[in-house]
Protein backbone atom coordinates (compact mmCIF):
# COMPACT_ATOMS: atom_id res chain seq x y z
CA UNK A 1 52.50 108.95 188.24
CA UNK A 2 53.04 105.18 188.29
CA UNK A 3 50.88 104.74 185.21
CA UNK A 4 53.11 107.11 183.25
CA UNK A 5 56.26 105.21 184.24
CA UNK A 6 54.64 101.92 183.23
CA UNK A 7 53.59 103.38 179.89
CA UNK A 8 57.10 104.71 179.25
CA UNK A 9 58.57 101.31 180.11
CA UNK A 10 56.13 99.58 177.73
CA UNK A 11 56.91 102.01 174.95
CA UNK A 12 60.66 101.59 175.49
CA UNK A 13 60.34 97.80 175.55
CA UNK A 14 58.20 97.83 172.39
CA UNK A 15 60.67 100.05 170.53
CA UNK A 16 63.55 97.83 171.65
CA UNK A 17 61.76 94.68 170.48
CA UNK A 18 60.94 96.26 167.11
CA UNK A 19 64.57 97.31 166.66
CA UNK A 20 65.79 93.80 167.50
CA UNK A 21 63.35 92.26 165.01
CA UNK A 22 64.39 94.71 162.28
CA UNK A 23 68.12 94.10 162.87
CA UNK A 24 67.68 90.31 162.92
CA UNK A 25 65.50 90.47 159.82
CA UNK A 26 68.12 92.53 158.00
CA UNK A 27 70.84 90.06 159.02
CA UNK A 28 68.82 87.09 157.79
CA UNK A 29 68.04 88.88 154.52
CA UNK A 30 71.70 89.84 153.99
CA UNK A 31 72.76 86.23 154.59
CA UNK A 32 70.12 85.01 152.12
CA UNK A 33 71.24 87.48 149.43
CA UNK A 34 74.88 86.52 150.07
CA UNK A 35 74.01 82.84 149.65
CA UNK A 36 72.18 83.54 146.39
CA UNK A 37 75.17 85.48 145.06
CA UNK A 38 77.47 82.55 145.93
CA UNK A 39 75.41 80.22 143.73
CA UNK A 40 74.91 82.64 140.84
CA UNK A 41 74.59 80.82 137.52
CA UNK A 42 73.83 81.55 133.86
CA UNK A 43 72.29 78.32 132.61
CA UNK A 44 69.14 76.32 133.37
CA UNK A 45 71.20 73.25 134.34
CA UNK A 46 73.42 73.76 137.37
CA UNK A 47 74.56 72.09 140.55
CA UNK A 48 75.63 73.51 143.89
CA UNK A 49 78.81 72.11 145.38
CA UNK A 50 79.87 72.49 149.02
CA UNK A 51 83.52 72.22 150.02
CA UNK A 52 84.99 70.98 153.31
CA UNK A 53 84.56 74.46 154.85
CA UNK A 54 80.84 74.57 154.02
CA UNK A 55 81.33 77.17 151.30
CA UNK A 56 79.06 76.77 148.29
CA UNK A 57 79.17 77.70 144.63
CA UNK A 58 77.37 76.76 141.43
CA UNK A 59 78.89 74.68 138.65
CA UNK A 60 77.34 74.53 135.19
CA UNK A 61 78.84 71.67 133.20
CA UNK A 62 78.27 71.61 129.46
CA UNK A 63 79.05 67.89 129.25
CA UNK A 64 76.13 65.49 129.70
CA UNK A 65 78.54 62.91 131.12
CA UNK A 66 79.77 65.31 133.82
CA UNK A 67 76.19 66.32 134.55
CA UNK A 68 75.28 62.65 135.08
CA UNK A 69 78.25 62.28 137.47
CA UNK A 70 77.13 65.33 139.47
CA UNK A 71 73.59 63.95 139.71
CA UNK A 72 75.01 60.61 140.91
CA UNK A 73 77.17 62.37 143.52
CA UNK A 74 74.11 64.24 144.75
CA UNK A 75 72.13 61.02 145.06
CA UNK A 76 74.78 59.06 146.96
CA UNK A 77 76.35 61.95 148.93
CA UNK A 78 79.89 61.09 147.86
CA UNK A 79 82.62 63.72 148.12
CA UNK A 80 84.84 63.97 145.01
CA UNK A 81 87.14 66.53 143.38
CA UNK A 82 85.09 68.97 141.29
CA UNK A 83 86.95 71.54 139.25
CA UNK A 84 87.89 73.03 135.96
CA UNK A 85 89.64 76.03 134.49
CA UNK A 86 89.24 79.01 136.81
CA UNK A 87 87.77 82.15 135.23
CA UNK A 88 86.64 85.46 136.69
CA UNK A 89 82.90 85.68 137.38
CA UNK A 90 80.56 88.11 139.10
CA UNK A 91 79.50 85.98 142.06
CA UNK A 92 80.43 86.17 145.73
CA UNK A 93 83.72 84.39 145.09
CA UNK A 94 84.84 86.32 141.99
CA UNK A 95 85.33 83.15 139.95
CA UNK A 96 83.72 80.03 138.58
CA UNK A 97 84.88 76.90 136.79
CA UNK A 98 84.59 77.46 133.05
CA UNK A 99 81.46 75.45 132.11
CA UNK A 100 83.02 73.52 129.23
CA UNK A 101 85.89 72.40 131.50
CA UNK A 102 83.97 71.29 134.60
CA UNK A 103 85.34 67.92 135.65
CA UNK A 104 84.69 65.37 138.39
CA UNK A 105 87.69 63.33 139.52
CA UNK A 106 88.52 60.75 142.15
CA UNK A 107 92.21 61.74 142.07
CA UNK A 108 93.97 64.99 141.08
CA UNK A 109 97.43 66.50 141.28
CA UNK A 110 97.94 67.69 144.86
CA UNK A 111 99.01 71.15 143.70
CA UNK A 112 95.60 71.67 142.08
CA UNK A 113 93.60 70.79 145.21
CA UNK A 114 92.16 73.71 147.15
CA UNK A 115 88.99 75.23 148.62
CA UNK A 116 86.53 77.76 147.25
CA UNK A 117 87.67 80.43 149.71
CA UNK A 118 91.35 79.86 148.91
CA UNK A 119 90.75 80.30 145.18
CA UNK A 120 88.82 83.49 145.88
CA UNK A 121 91.54 84.83 148.20
CA UNK A 122 94.31 84.41 145.59
CA UNK A 123 92.38 84.38 142.33
CA UNK A 124 95.29 85.62 140.19
CA UNK A 125 97.39 82.62 141.24
CA UNK A 126 94.64 80.22 140.21
CA UNK A 127 93.92 82.10 136.97
CA UNK A 128 97.59 81.76 136.04
CA UNK A 129 97.71 78.12 137.10
CA UNK A 130 94.54 77.43 135.12
CA UNK A 131 93.00 74.36 136.69
CA UNK A 132 91.79 73.91 140.25
CA UNK A 133 89.83 71.21 142.07
CA UNK A 134 87.71 71.50 145.18
CA UNK A 135 86.95 68.51 147.38
CA UNK A 136 83.19 68.82 147.44
CA UNK A 137 79.86 67.15 147.68
CA UNK A 138 76.91 68.07 145.49
CA UNK A 139 74.16 69.54 147.70
CA UNK A 140 71.70 70.75 145.03
CA UNK A 141 70.79 69.81 141.45
CA UNK A 142 68.77 72.13 139.18
CA UNK A 143 67.67 71.33 135.65
């Protein structure tokens, strides 16, 4: 009789461990997919910026000068204002900075300064305003 109880306990424990591993694996996978969607891009040359909240998105500047500035920011870890004209886009945030308007600035108009999440939360406001800048550091460079 004791052997049967021990076997049942082992089976229950094994099933519980497997369920925990599956749930944790699914959570890690969902987080990974979510992160990939946040940095969705269309070009072969793109950078990932991270704002003060730790939110990330891809920027794809057309300008070689802006690209060089982003590479420099990545190398020295400096936080600057990165922005451009806001346009709808099919990533996690629902927007991106229009590639031919991506800009890096040391100073911007205060009314244009925001975060990635705030643009996403009120995208129509930022679409109507046009320009937005995110205080960000460049955490990845891809070319």
